[in-house]
């Protein structure tokens, strides 16, 4: 029972980290796009993709631990 709770907390932490990274990427990209004034929201698209790759790399690294 304690192991199930530990696993659930670990996955909840990873999900929270993923959402914070994606949200931060969107927010930062949105701010930069509006500051620069480009028509194409390049940073709003690019930063969440970078955050997604980094977070997936961290999740894969976490799951490969023994």
N, C-alpha and C. Protein backbone atom coordinates (compact mmCIF):
# COMPACT_ATOMS: atom_id res chain seq x y z
N UNK A 1 0.82 -1.20 0.00
CA UNK A 1 0.00 0.00 0.00
C UNK A 1 0.86 1.26 0.00
N UNK A 2 1.93 1.24 0.80
CA UNK A 2 2.81 2.41 0.85
C UNK A 2 3.54 2.59 -0.48
N UNK A 3 3.89 1.48 -1.13
CA UNK A 3 4.57 1.55 -2.43
C UNK A 3 3.65 2.15 -3.49
N UNK A 4 2.36 1.81 -3.46
CA UNK A 4 1.39 2.37 -4.41
C UNK A 4 1.28 3.88 -4.24
N UNK A 5 1.25 4.32 -3.00
CA UNK A 5 1.15 5.76 -2.72
C UNK A 5 2.40 6.48 -3.17
N UNK A 6 3.56 5.85 -2.96
CA UNK A 6 4.83 6.44 -3.38
C UNK A 6 4.88 6.59 -4.90
N UNK A 7 4.44 5.54 -5.62
CA UNK A 7 4.42 5.61 -7.08
C UNK A 7 3.45 6.68 -7.57
N UNK A 8 2.28 6.77 -6.92
CA UNK A 8 1.30 7.75 -7.32
C UNK A 8 1.83 9.17 -7.12
N UNK A 9 2.52 9.41 -6.03
CA UNK A 9 3.08 10.73 -5.78
C UNK A 9 4.20 11.06 -6.77
N UNK A 10 4.97 10.04 -7.15
CA UNK A 10 6.04 10.26 -8.12
C UNK A 10 5.45 10.65 -9.47
N UNK A 11 4.40 9.95 -9.91
CA UNK A 11 3.77 10.27 -11.19
C UNK A 11 3.04 11.61 -11.13
N UNK A 12 2.44 11.92 -10.01
CA UNK A 12 1.78 13.22 -9.87
C UNK A 12 2.79 14.35 -9.93
N UNK A 13 3.95 14.14 -9.34
CA UNK A 13 5.01 15.13 -9.41
C UNK A 13 5.52 15.32 -10.82
N UNK A 14 5.68 14.23 -11.57
CA UNK A 14 6.12 14.34 -12.95
C UNK A 14 5.07 15.06 -13.81
N UNK A 15 3.80 14.76 -13.58
CA UNK A 15 2.74 15.43 -14.34
C UNK A 15 2.69 16.92 -14.03
N UNK A 16 2.86 17.26 -12.77
CA UNK A 16 2.87 18.67 -12.38
C UNK A 16 4.05 19.39 -13.01
N UNK A 17 5.20 18.75 -12.98
CA UNK A 17 6.39 19.34 -13.58
C UNK A 17 6.18 19.56 -15.08
N UNK A 18 5.56 18.59 -15.75
CA UNK A 18 5.30 18.69 -17.18
C UNK A 18 4.37 19.88 -17.47
N UNK A 19 3.31 20.01 -16.70
CA UNK A 19 2.37 21.11 -16.93
C UNK A 19 3.00 22.47 -16.66
N UNK A 20 3.83 22.56 -15.62
CA UNK A 20 4.48 23.83 -15.30
C UNK A 20 5.46 24.20 -16.41
N UNK A 21 6.22 23.23 -16.91
CA UNK A 21 7.17 23.52 -17.98
C UNK A 21 6.45 23.95 -19.26
N UNK A 22 5.37 23.26 -19.63
CA UNK A 22 4.62 23.64 -20.83
C UNK A 22 3.95 25.01 -20.66
N UNK A 23 3.35 25.22 -19.51
CA UNK A 23 2.72 26.52 -19.25
C UNK A 23 3.73 27.65 -19.25
N UNK A 24 4.90 27.42 -18.66
CA UNK A 24 5.95 28.43 -18.66
C UNK A 24 6.46 28.71 -20.06
N UNK A 25 6.57 27.68 -20.88
CA UNK A 25 7.01 27.87 -22.26
C UNK A 25 6.01 28.69 -23.06
N UNK A 26 4.73 28.39 -22.89
CA UNK A 26 3.70 29.16 -23.60
C UNK A 26 3.71 30.61 -23.12
N UNK A 27 3.79 30.81 -21.84
CA UNK A 27 3.77 32.17 -21.27
C UNK A 27 4.97 32.98 -21.73
N UNK A 28 6.16 32.39 -21.66
CA UNK A 28 7.36 33.10 -22.06
C UNK A 28 7.35 33.38 -23.56
N UNK A 29 6.91 32.40 -24.35
CA UNK A 29 6.81 32.61 -25.79
C UNK A 29 5.82 33.69 -26.15
N UNK A 30 4.69 33.70 -25.46
CA UNK A 30 3.67 34.73 -25.69
C UNK A 30 4.22 36.12 -25.38
N UNK A 31 4.94 36.24 -24.27
CA UNK A 31 5.51 37.54 -23.91
C UNK A 31 6.54 38.00 -24.94
N UNK A 32 7.41 37.11 -25.37
CA UNK A 32 8.42 37.49 -26.36
C UNK A 32 7.80 37.83 -27.71
N UNK A 33 6.80 37.08 -28.12
CA UNK A 33 6.14 37.37 -29.39
C UNK A 33 5.49 38.76 -29.37
N UNK A 34 4.86 39.10 -28.27
CA UNK A 34 4.23 40.42 -28.19
C UNK A 34 5.24 41.53 -28.04
N UNK A 35 6.36 41.26 -27.39
CA UNK A 35 7.39 42.28 -27.24
C UNK A 35 8.06 42.56 -28.58
N UNK A 36 8.33 41.51 -29.36
CA UNK A 36 8.97 41.69 -30.66
C UNK A 36 7.97 42.21 -31.69
N UNK A 37 6.73 41.74 -31.62
CA UNK A 37 5.68 42.22 -32.52
C UNK A 37 5.61 41.49 -33.84
N UNK A 38 6.07 40.24 -33.87
CA UNK A 38 5.99 39.46 -35.10
C UNK A 38 4.56 39.02 -35.34
N UNK A 39 4.23 38.82 -36.62
CA UNK A 39 2.89 38.33 -36.96
C UNK A 39 2.74 36.85 -36.64
N UNK A 40 3.81 36.08 -36.88
CA UNK A 40 3.80 34.64 -36.64
C UNK A 40 4.21 34.40 -35.19
N UNK A 41 3.42 33.66 -34.41
CA UNK A 41 3.77 33.41 -33.01
C UNK A 41 4.87 32.34 -32.88
N UNK A 42 6.06 32.67 -33.37
CA UNK A 42 7.15 31.71 -33.42
C UNK A 42 7.55 31.22 -32.04
N UNK A 43 7.77 32.13 -31.10
CA UNK A 43 8.21 31.73 -29.76
C UNK A 43 7.11 31.01 -28.99
N UNK A 44 5.86 31.37 -29.24
CA UNK A 44 4.74 30.69 -28.58
C UNK A 44 4.66 29.24 -29.03
N UNK A 45 5.10 28.95 -30.23
CA UNK A 45 5.14 27.57 -30.72
C UNK A 45 6.44 26.88 -30.31
N UNK A 46 7.55 27.60 -30.42
CA UNK A 46 8.87 27.01 -30.22
C UNK A 46 9.15 26.66 -28.75
N UNK A 47 8.87 27.56 -27.82
CA UNK A 47 9.21 27.31 -26.42
C UNK A 47 8.47 26.13 -25.80
N UNK A 48 7.15 25.96 -26.05
CA UNK A 48 6.51 24.75 -25.52
C UNK A 48 7.06 23.47 -26.12
N UNK A 49 7.46 23.51 -27.40
CA UNK A 49 8.06 22.32 -28.01
C UNK A 49 9.40 21.98 -27.35
N UNK A 50 10.19 23.01 -27.07
CA UNK A 50 11.46 22.79 -26.37
C UNK A 50 11.19 22.25 -24.97
N UNK A 51 10.21 22.82 -24.28
CA UNK A 51 9.87 22.35 -22.94
C UNK A 51 9.37 20.91 -22.98
N UNK A 52 8.64 20.55 -24.01
CA UNK A 52 8.14 19.18 -24.16
C UNK A 52 9.29 18.21 -24.35
N UNK A 53 10.25 18.55 -25.19
CA UNK A 53 11.41 17.68 -25.42
C UNK A 53 12.22 17.52 -24.14
N UNK A 54 12.45 18.61 -23.44
CA UNK A 54 13.23 18.55 -22.18
C UNK A 54 12.49 17.72 -21.15
N UNK A 55 11.19 17.91 -21.02
CA UNK A 55 10.44 17.16 -20.01
C UNK A 55 10.36 15.67 -20.37
N UNK A 56 10.21 15.36 -21.66
CA UNK A 56 10.22 13.95 -22.06
C UNK A 56 11.57 13.30 -21.78
N UNK A 57 12.63 14.05 -22.02
CA UNK A 57 13.98 13.56 -21.71
C UNK A 57 14.12 13.28 -20.21
N UNK A 58 13.61 14.17 -19.38
CA UNK A 58 13.67 13.97 -17.93
C UNK A 58 12.82 12.77 -17.51
N UNK A 59 11.67 12.58 -18.11
CA UNK A 59 10.81 11.44 -17.76
C UNK A 59 11.47 10.13 -18.18
N UNK A 60 12.05 10.09 -19.36
CA UNK A 60 12.75 8.89 -19.80
C UNK A 60 13.93 8.59 -18.88
N UNK A 61 14.65 9.61 -18.50
CA UNK A 61 15.77 9.43 -17.58
C UNK A 61 15.30 8.91 -16.23
N UNK A 62 14.16 9.42 -15.76
CA UNK A 62 13.61 9.00 -14.46
C UNK A 62 13.15 7.53 -14.50
N UNK A 63 12.52 7.12 -15.61
CA UNK A 63 12.03 5.76 -15.70
C UNK A 63 13.14 4.73 -15.92
N UNK A 64 14.28 5.17 -16.42
CA UNK A 64 15.39 4.25 -16.64
C UNK A 64 16.22 4.03 -15.38
N UNK A 65 15.95 4.77 -14.32
CA UNK A 65 16.65 4.53 -13.05
C UNK A 65 16.20 3.20 -12.46
N UNK A 66 17.11 2.55 -11.79
CA UNK A 66 16.74 1.28 -11.16
C UNK A 66 16.63 1.41 -9.68
